[in-house]
N, C-alpha and C. Protein backbone atom coordinates (compact mmCIF):
# COMPACT_ATOMS: atom_id res chain seq x y z
N MET A 1 91.09 121.52 84.19
CA MET A 1 91.95 121.27 85.33
C MET A 1 93.40 121.52 84.91
N ASN A 2 94.30 120.70 85.38
CA ASN A 2 95.72 120.89 85.15
C ASN A 2 96.18 120.30 83.83
N LYS A 3 96.98 121.05 83.12
CA LYS A 3 97.68 120.53 81.95
C LYS A 3 99.15 120.53 82.32
N TYR A 4 99.82 119.45 81.99
CA TYR A 4 101.21 119.32 82.36
C TYR A 4 101.92 118.46 81.33
N LEU A 5 103.21 118.57 81.30
CA LEU A 5 104.02 117.72 80.44
C LEU A 5 104.35 116.44 81.21
N ASN A 6 104.54 115.34 80.51
CA ASN A 6 104.93 114.09 81.17
C ASN A 6 106.19 114.28 81.99
N LYS A 7 107.12 115.09 81.48
CA LYS A 7 108.36 115.37 82.20
C LYS A 7 108.05 116.02 83.54
N ASP A 8 107.13 116.97 83.56
CA ASP A 8 106.75 117.64 84.81
C ASP A 8 106.09 116.65 85.78
N PHE A 9 105.22 115.80 85.23
CA PHE A 9 104.55 114.79 86.05
C PHE A 9 105.59 113.85 86.66
N ASN A 10 106.50 113.36 85.84
CA ASN A 10 107.54 112.45 86.33
C ASN A 10 108.42 113.12 87.37
N ASN A 11 108.73 114.39 87.17
CA ASN A 11 109.53 115.12 88.16
C ASN A 11 108.77 115.25 89.48
N ALA A 12 107.48 115.48 89.41
CA ALA A 12 106.66 115.60 90.63
C ALA A 12 106.58 114.26 91.36
N VAL A 13 106.47 113.17 90.62
CA VAL A 13 106.46 111.84 91.24
C VAL A 13 107.81 111.59 91.92
N SER A 14 108.90 111.96 91.26
CA SER A 14 110.23 111.82 91.87
C SER A 14 110.36 112.68 93.12
N GLU A 15 109.78 113.86 93.08
CA GLU A 15 109.77 114.75 94.24
C GLU A 15 109.05 114.08 95.41
N LEU A 16 107.92 113.47 95.15
CA LEU A 16 107.20 112.74 96.19
C LEU A 16 108.02 111.57 96.71
N ALA A 17 108.63 110.80 95.81
CA ALA A 17 109.44 109.65 96.22
C ALA A 17 110.59 110.10 97.12
N ASP A 18 111.25 111.20 96.77
CA ASP A 18 112.33 111.73 97.61
C ASP A 18 111.81 112.16 98.98
N TYR A 19 110.65 112.78 98.98
CA TYR A 19 110.00 113.20 100.23
C TYR A 19 109.71 111.99 101.10
N TYR A 20 109.23 110.90 100.50
CA TYR A 20 108.92 109.69 101.26
C TYR A 20 110.17 109.06 101.86
N VAL A 21 111.30 109.15 101.16
CA VAL A 21 112.55 108.60 101.71
C VAL A 21 112.86 109.31 103.02
N VAL A 22 112.78 110.63 103.02
CA VAL A 22 113.06 111.40 104.23
C VAL A 22 111.98 111.16 105.28
N LYS A 23 110.74 111.19 104.87
CA LYS A 23 109.60 111.06 105.79
C LYS A 23 109.52 109.66 106.40
N SER A 24 110.02 108.64 105.71
CA SER A 24 109.90 107.27 106.20
C SER A 24 110.85 106.96 107.35
N VAL A 25 111.79 107.85 107.61
CA VAL A 25 112.67 107.66 108.76
C VAL A 25 111.97 108.32 109.95
N ILE A 26 111.01 107.59 110.49
CA ILE A 26 110.16 108.10 111.56
C ILE A 26 110.70 107.54 112.87
N GLU A 27 110.88 108.41 113.80
CA GLU A 27 111.55 108.06 115.05
C GLU A 27 111.01 106.81 115.73
N HIS A 28 109.72 106.67 115.81
CA HIS A 28 109.14 105.58 116.60
C HIS A 28 108.53 104.45 115.77
N PHE A 29 108.64 104.49 114.44
CA PHE A 29 108.00 103.49 113.60
C PHE A 29 108.98 102.89 112.59
N SER A 30 108.74 101.65 112.25
CA SER A 30 109.46 100.99 111.16
C SER A 30 108.49 99.99 110.51
N TYR A 31 108.92 99.40 109.42
CA TYR A 31 108.06 98.47 108.71
C TYR A 31 108.88 97.39 108.04
N TRP A 32 108.19 96.37 107.62
CA TRP A 32 108.78 95.39 106.72
C TRP A 32 107.78 95.18 105.59
N ALA A 33 108.32 95.08 104.38
CA ALA A 33 107.48 94.87 103.20
C ALA A 33 107.10 93.40 103.09
N THR A 34 105.88 93.15 102.67
CA THR A 34 105.41 91.79 102.47
C THR A 34 104.50 91.73 101.26
N ASP A 35 104.58 90.62 100.54
CA ASP A 35 103.66 90.42 99.41
C ASP A 35 102.46 89.57 99.83
N ASP A 36 102.32 89.33 101.13
CA ASP A 36 101.19 88.58 101.67
C ASP A 36 99.93 89.43 101.53
N VAL A 37 99.00 88.98 100.70
CA VAL A 37 97.78 89.74 100.42
C VAL A 37 96.96 89.97 101.70
N ASN A 38 97.13 89.16 102.71
CA ASN A 38 96.42 89.36 103.97
C ASN A 38 96.80 90.69 104.62
N ALA A 39 98.02 91.15 104.39
CA ALA A 39 98.43 92.45 104.92
C ALA A 39 97.67 93.58 104.24
N ALA A 40 97.29 93.38 102.98
CA ALA A 40 96.54 94.40 102.25
C ALA A 40 95.08 94.42 102.65
N ASP A 41 94.56 93.27 103.00
CA ASP A 41 93.13 93.15 103.28
C ASP A 41 92.76 93.30 104.74
N GLN A 42 93.72 93.63 105.58
CA GLN A 42 93.40 93.69 107.00
C GLN A 42 92.65 94.97 107.35
N SER A 43 91.86 94.86 108.40
CA SER A 43 91.13 96.01 108.93
C SER A 43 92.08 96.86 109.76
N PHE A 44 91.61 98.02 110.17
CA PHE A 44 92.43 98.87 111.03
C PHE A 44 92.73 98.15 112.34
N GLU A 45 91.77 97.45 112.87
CA GLU A 45 91.96 96.72 114.12
C GLU A 45 93.03 95.64 113.94
N GLU A 46 92.99 94.95 112.80
CA GLU A 46 94.00 93.93 112.52
C GLU A 46 95.38 94.55 112.33
N LEU A 47 95.43 95.72 111.69
CA LEU A 47 96.71 96.43 111.56
C LEU A 47 97.27 96.73 112.94
N CYS A 48 96.44 97.24 113.81
CA CYS A 48 96.89 97.57 115.17
C CYS A 48 97.37 96.33 115.92
N LYS A 49 96.70 95.20 115.70
CA LYS A 49 97.12 93.95 116.35
C LYS A 49 98.44 93.44 115.79
N SER A 50 98.78 93.83 114.55
CA SER A 50 100.03 93.36 113.94
C SER A 50 101.25 94.16 114.38
N LEU A 51 101.03 95.24 115.14
CA LEU A 51 102.14 96.07 115.58
C LEU A 51 103.07 95.27 116.48
N ARG A 52 104.37 95.40 116.24
CA ARG A 52 105.39 94.71 117.03
C ARG A 52 106.46 95.71 117.45
N LEU A 53 107.06 95.48 118.58
CA LEU A 53 108.18 96.30 119.02
C LEU A 53 109.47 95.67 118.51
N VAL A 54 110.16 96.37 117.63
CA VAL A 54 111.41 95.89 117.05
C VAL A 54 112.44 97.00 117.19
N ASP A 55 113.51 96.72 117.91
CA ASP A 55 114.56 97.72 118.13
C ASP A 55 113.99 99.05 118.61
N ASP A 56 113.13 98.99 119.60
CA ASP A 56 112.51 100.16 120.20
C ASP A 56 111.63 100.97 119.25
N LYS A 57 111.19 100.35 118.17
CA LYS A 57 110.28 101.01 117.24
C LYS A 57 109.04 100.15 117.06
N ILE A 58 107.92 100.81 116.84
CA ILE A 58 106.70 100.11 116.52
C ILE A 58 106.79 99.73 115.05
N SER A 59 106.76 98.43 114.79
CA SER A 59 106.96 97.93 113.44
C SER A 59 105.73 97.15 112.99
N PHE A 60 105.44 97.22 111.70
CA PHE A 60 104.29 96.51 111.15
C PHE A 60 104.52 96.20 109.67
N PRO A 61 103.76 95.22 109.15
CA PRO A 61 103.92 94.86 107.74
C PRO A 61 103.23 95.86 106.82
N VAL A 62 103.85 96.09 105.68
CA VAL A 62 103.27 96.94 104.64
C VAL A 62 103.22 96.13 103.35
N TYR A 63 102.05 96.08 102.78
CA TYR A 63 101.83 95.28 101.57
C TYR A 63 102.59 95.86 100.39
N SER A 64 103.35 95.01 99.72
CA SER A 64 104.14 95.45 98.57
C SER A 64 103.51 95.07 97.23
N GLY A 65 102.47 94.24 97.28
CA GLY A 65 101.84 93.79 96.05
C GLY A 65 101.05 94.90 95.36
N HIS A 66 100.62 94.61 94.15
CA HIS A 66 99.86 95.55 93.33
C HIS A 66 100.59 96.89 93.16
N SER A 67 101.92 96.82 93.12
CA SER A 67 102.72 98.03 92.91
C SER A 67 103.09 98.22 91.45
N ASP A 68 102.76 97.25 90.61
CA ASP A 68 103.19 97.30 89.21
C ASP A 68 102.51 98.41 88.41
N THR A 69 101.33 98.87 88.83
CA THR A 69 100.70 99.99 88.11
C THR A 69 100.70 101.27 88.94
N ALA A 70 101.43 101.26 90.05
CA ALA A 70 101.51 102.46 90.88
C ALA A 70 102.21 103.58 90.11
N VAL A 71 102.00 104.76 90.55
CA VAL A 71 102.58 105.92 89.88
C VAL A 71 104.10 106.01 90.13
N TYR A 72 104.57 105.36 91.17
CA TYR A 72 105.97 105.46 91.56
C TYR A 72 106.86 104.55 90.72
N ALA A 73 108.13 104.95 90.59
CA ALA A 73 109.06 104.23 89.73
C ALA A 73 109.45 102.87 90.28
N THR A 74 109.44 102.72 91.61
CA THR A 74 109.86 101.46 92.20
C THR A 74 108.84 100.97 93.22
N VAL A 75 108.89 99.68 93.49
CA VAL A 75 108.05 99.09 94.53
C VAL A 75 108.40 99.73 95.88
N ASP A 76 109.68 99.95 96.12
CA ASP A 76 110.11 100.56 97.39
C ASP A 76 109.48 101.93 97.60
N ASP A 77 109.39 102.73 96.54
CA ASP A 77 108.75 104.05 96.66
C ASP A 77 107.28 103.90 97.04
N ASN A 78 106.60 102.95 96.41
CA ASN A 78 105.19 102.73 96.70
C ASN A 78 105.00 102.22 98.13
N VAL A 79 105.87 101.32 98.57
CA VAL A 79 105.79 100.79 99.93
C VAL A 79 106.04 101.89 100.95
N ARG A 80 107.00 102.76 100.68
CA ARG A 80 107.26 103.88 101.60
C ARG A 80 106.03 104.78 101.71
N PHE A 81 105.36 105.06 100.57
CA PHE A 81 104.13 105.84 100.62
C PHE A 81 103.11 105.14 101.51
N ARG A 82 102.91 103.84 101.30
CA ARG A 82 101.92 103.09 102.09
C ARG A 82 102.27 103.10 103.58
N PHE A 83 103.56 102.98 103.89
CA PHE A 83 104.00 103.02 105.28
C PHE A 83 103.64 104.36 105.92
N ILE A 84 103.98 105.45 105.26
CA ILE A 84 103.69 106.78 105.80
C ILE A 84 102.18 106.94 105.96
N HIS A 85 101.43 106.50 104.98
CA HIS A 85 99.97 106.57 105.04
C HIS A 85 99.45 105.80 106.26
N ASP A 86 99.96 104.60 106.48
CA ASP A 86 99.51 103.80 107.62
C ASP A 86 99.92 104.42 108.96
N VAL A 87 101.09 105.04 109.01
CA VAL A 87 101.52 105.70 110.25
C VAL A 87 100.54 106.83 110.60
N VAL A 88 100.09 107.57 109.61
CA VAL A 88 99.10 108.63 109.86
C VAL A 88 97.83 108.02 110.44
N HIS A 89 97.40 106.89 109.90
CA HIS A 89 96.24 106.18 110.46
C HIS A 89 96.48 105.85 111.93
N ILE A 90 97.62 105.24 112.22
CA ILE A 90 97.92 104.76 113.58
C ILE A 90 98.08 105.93 114.56
N GLU A 91 98.87 106.93 114.18
CA GLU A 91 99.12 108.05 115.09
C GLU A 91 97.85 108.83 115.43
N ASN A 92 96.90 108.84 114.51
CA ASN A 92 95.68 109.63 114.69
C ASN A 92 94.46 108.77 115.01
N ASN A 93 94.70 107.46 115.22
CA ASN A 93 93.63 106.52 115.54
C ASN A 93 92.47 106.65 114.54
N LEU A 94 92.84 106.68 113.26
CA LEU A 94 91.85 106.79 112.19
C LEU A 94 91.76 105.46 111.46
N GLY A 95 90.57 104.92 111.39
CA GLY A 95 90.34 103.64 110.73
C GLY A 95 90.38 103.77 109.22
N PHE A 96 89.78 102.78 108.56
CA PHE A 96 89.81 102.73 107.10
C PHE A 96 88.47 103.09 106.47
N SER A 97 87.59 103.73 107.25
CA SER A 97 86.32 104.19 106.66
C SER A 97 86.62 105.31 105.66
N TYR A 98 85.66 105.58 104.82
CA TYR A 98 85.81 106.68 103.85
C TYR A 98 86.12 107.99 104.56
N GLU A 99 85.39 108.28 105.62
CA GLU A 99 85.58 109.54 106.35
C GLU A 99 86.98 109.62 106.95
N ASP A 100 87.45 108.52 107.51
CA ASP A 100 88.79 108.53 108.10
C ASP A 100 89.87 108.60 107.03
N GLU A 101 89.65 107.95 105.89
CA GLU A 101 90.62 108.05 104.78
C GLU A 101 90.73 109.50 104.30
N MET A 102 89.62 110.21 104.27
CA MET A 102 89.65 111.62 103.87
C MET A 102 90.40 112.47 104.89
N LYS A 103 90.27 112.14 106.16
CA LYS A 103 91.03 112.84 107.21
C LYS A 103 92.53 112.57 107.06
N VAL A 104 92.88 111.32 106.78
CA VAL A 104 94.29 110.97 106.56
C VAL A 104 94.82 111.75 105.36
N ALA A 105 94.03 111.83 104.31
CA ALA A 105 94.44 112.58 103.12
C ALA A 105 94.74 114.03 103.46
N LEU A 106 93.87 114.66 104.23
CA LEU A 106 94.07 116.06 104.62
C LEU A 106 95.34 116.24 105.46
N ILE A 107 95.58 115.31 106.37
CA ILE A 107 96.79 115.38 107.21
C ILE A 107 98.03 115.25 106.34
N MET A 108 98.02 114.26 105.46
CA MET A 108 99.19 114.05 104.60
C MET A 108 99.43 115.24 103.68
N LEU A 109 98.37 115.81 103.15
CA LEU A 109 98.52 116.98 102.27
C LEU A 109 99.05 118.19 103.03
N ALA A 110 98.56 118.40 104.24
CA ALA A 110 99.04 119.52 105.05
C ALA A 110 100.53 119.37 105.36
N GLU A 111 100.94 118.15 105.70
CA GLU A 111 102.37 117.91 106.00
C GLU A 111 103.23 118.11 104.75
N ALA A 112 102.76 117.63 103.61
CA ALA A 112 103.52 117.77 102.37
C ALA A 112 103.59 119.24 101.94
N LYS A 113 102.50 119.96 102.11
CA LYS A 113 102.50 121.39 101.78
C LYS A 113 103.47 122.14 102.68
N GLU A 114 103.44 121.81 103.97
CA GLU A 114 104.36 122.45 104.91
C GLU A 114 105.82 122.14 104.57
N ALA A 115 106.07 120.96 104.01
CA ALA A 115 107.42 120.58 103.61
C ALA A 115 107.85 121.27 102.32
N GLY A 116 106.92 121.96 101.64
CA GLY A 116 107.26 122.74 100.46
C GLY A 116 107.17 121.99 99.14
N LEU A 117 106.41 120.92 99.08
CA LEU A 117 106.27 120.20 97.82
C LEU A 117 105.53 121.06 96.79
N SER A 118 105.82 120.81 95.54
CA SER A 118 105.23 121.58 94.44
C SER A 118 103.73 121.31 94.33
N GLY A 119 103.06 122.19 93.63
CA GLY A 119 101.62 122.05 93.43
C GLY A 119 101.27 120.76 92.71
N LEU A 120 102.04 120.37 91.71
CA LEU A 120 101.77 119.14 90.98
C LEU A 120 102.00 117.93 91.89
N ALA A 121 103.04 117.94 92.70
CA ALA A 121 103.27 116.84 93.64
C ALA A 121 102.11 116.73 94.62
N LEU A 122 101.62 117.87 95.09
CA LEU A 122 100.47 117.87 96.01
C LEU A 122 99.22 117.32 95.32
N SER A 123 99.04 117.64 94.05
CA SER A 123 97.89 117.11 93.30
C SER A 123 97.98 115.60 93.15
N ILE A 124 99.18 115.10 92.91
CA ILE A 124 99.38 113.66 92.80
C ILE A 124 99.12 112.98 94.14
N LEU A 125 99.61 113.58 95.22
CA LEU A 125 99.37 113.04 96.56
C LEU A 125 97.89 113.05 96.89
N SER A 126 97.19 114.10 96.51
CA SER A 126 95.75 114.17 96.73
C SER A 126 95.03 113.05 95.98
N ALA A 127 95.46 112.80 94.75
CA ALA A 127 94.87 111.71 93.96
C ALA A 127 95.17 110.36 94.61
N GLU A 128 96.38 110.21 95.13
CA GLU A 128 96.81 108.95 95.75
C GLU A 128 96.07 108.67 97.05
N THR A 129 95.59 109.71 97.70
CA THR A 129 94.92 109.54 98.99
C THR A 129 93.41 109.77 98.86
N ALA A 130 92.99 111.01 98.74
CA ALA A 130 91.56 111.32 98.66
C ALA A 130 90.93 110.72 97.41
N GLY A 131 91.62 110.79 96.28
CA GLY A 131 91.09 110.25 95.04
C GLY A 131 90.86 108.75 95.14
N MET A 132 91.85 108.04 95.67
CA MET A 132 91.71 106.58 95.84
C MET A 132 90.57 106.25 96.79
N ALA A 133 90.39 107.06 97.83
CA ALA A 133 89.28 106.83 98.77
C ALA A 133 87.94 106.98 98.06
N LYS A 134 87.82 108.00 97.20
CA LYS A 134 86.58 108.19 96.43
C LYS A 134 86.34 107.01 95.48
N TYR A 135 87.40 106.58 94.83
CA TYR A 135 87.28 105.45 93.91
C TYR A 135 86.86 104.19 94.66
N ASN A 136 87.50 103.94 95.79
CA ASN A 136 87.19 102.76 96.59
C ASN A 136 85.77 102.79 97.13
N LYS A 137 85.30 103.97 97.47
CA LYS A 137 83.92 104.10 97.96
C LYS A 137 82.92 103.70 96.87
N LYS A 138 83.20 104.09 95.64
CA LYS A 138 82.29 103.79 94.54
C LYS A 138 82.38 102.33 94.09
N PHE A 139 83.62 101.83 93.91
CA PHE A 139 83.81 100.52 93.29
C PHE A 139 84.16 99.41 94.29
N LYS A 140 84.34 99.76 95.57
CA LYS A 140 84.72 98.77 96.60
C LYS A 140 86.01 98.05 96.23
N ASP A 141 86.89 98.76 95.56
CA ASP A 141 88.16 98.20 95.11
C ASP A 141 89.07 99.37 94.75
N PHE A 142 90.31 99.06 94.43
CA PHE A 142 91.23 100.09 93.97
C PHE A 142 91.42 99.93 92.47
N PRO A 143 91.86 100.98 91.80
CA PRO A 143 92.00 100.90 90.35
C PRO A 143 92.99 99.82 89.93
N GLU A 144 92.67 99.14 88.85
CA GLU A 144 93.62 98.17 88.29
C GLU A 144 94.85 98.90 87.77
N ASN A 145 94.64 100.08 87.20
CA ASN A 145 95.75 100.90 86.73
C ASN A 145 95.80 102.17 87.56
N GLN A 146 96.56 102.11 88.62
CA GLN A 146 96.64 103.23 89.56
C GLN A 146 97.21 104.49 88.91
N GLU A 147 98.24 104.32 88.08
CA GLU A 147 98.86 105.49 87.45
C GLU A 147 97.88 106.20 86.53
N ALA A 148 97.12 105.44 85.75
CA ALA A 148 96.13 106.05 84.86
C ALA A 148 95.08 106.80 85.67
N PHE A 149 94.67 106.22 86.78
CA PHE A 149 93.70 106.88 87.65
C PHE A 149 94.26 108.20 88.18
N ILE A 150 95.49 108.19 88.62
CA ILE A 150 96.10 109.41 89.16
C ILE A 150 96.21 110.48 88.07
N HIS A 151 96.60 110.08 86.87
CA HIS A 151 96.62 111.05 85.76
C HIS A 151 95.23 111.64 85.56
N SER A 152 94.20 110.79 85.58
CA SER A 152 92.82 111.27 85.41
C SER A 152 92.44 112.25 86.51
N CYS A 153 92.82 111.94 87.74
CA CYS A 153 92.52 112.84 88.87
C CYS A 153 93.17 114.20 88.68
N VAL A 154 94.44 114.18 88.31
CA VAL A 154 95.18 115.44 88.16
C VAL A 154 94.61 116.26 87.00
N GLN A 155 94.21 115.59 85.93
CA GLN A 155 93.70 116.30 84.76
C GLN A 155 92.25 116.73 84.89
N HIS A 156 91.41 115.90 85.55
CA HIS A 156 89.97 116.15 85.55
C HIS A 156 89.36 116.32 86.93
N GLY A 157 90.13 116.10 87.98
CA GLY A 157 89.62 116.14 89.34
C GLY A 157 89.21 114.75 89.80
N SER A 158 89.35 114.49 91.08
CA SER A 158 89.11 113.14 91.59
C SER A 158 87.63 112.76 91.57
N THR A 159 86.74 113.73 91.68
CA THR A 159 85.31 113.40 91.65
C THR A 159 84.92 112.82 90.29
N ILE A 160 85.42 113.40 89.23
CA ILE A 160 85.14 112.90 87.89
C ILE A 160 85.91 111.60 87.63
N ALA A 161 87.18 111.57 87.98
CA ALA A 161 88.01 110.38 87.74
C ALA A 161 87.47 109.16 88.46
N ALA A 162 86.92 109.37 89.65
CA ALA A 162 86.43 108.24 90.46
C ALA A 162 85.10 107.68 89.95
N ARG A 163 84.54 108.26 88.94
CA ARG A 163 83.31 107.74 88.36
C ARG A 163 83.57 106.65 87.33
N VAL A 164 84.82 106.52 86.90
CA VAL A 164 85.17 105.65 85.79
C VAL A 164 86.13 104.56 86.26
N LYS A 165 85.88 103.31 85.87
CA LYS A 165 86.79 102.20 86.19
C LYS A 165 88.13 102.45 85.53
N HIS A 166 89.18 102.26 86.26
CA HIS A 166 90.54 102.39 85.72
C HIS A 166 91.26 101.08 85.91
């Protein structure tokens, strides 16, 4: 699969984080970060019920916990990714099933590709979305070390990486 330098990987992660800053300014949506684990464990239906109108925007909570092993440099970067991911779910009425997560992954990748992100950034985004969905399908959980899992996905492919506990 891909061989890369840590510097290249870190630059691609920064590229994604910068993209999320721009992408998170969504005309009709906003969020607030919360460390309440209930926000992480909610179903799609519960997410939809949590939507609130705040300053003419649809606003909802985004879980900030478990960001310590995320691939992103800051909790804010990870929360912005989660917000954008959830907006794709909401806008496309896609739940949290494996099949719907894969659809969300394809939508996010298409948008990022159209925005001109590098191949390595796209691979990281694929690992963060489709790869995590594959891992969750197998283990009914997310990796304890998300960054290590993403490195494994980029180096070996998500099908192989998702076979091993991270």
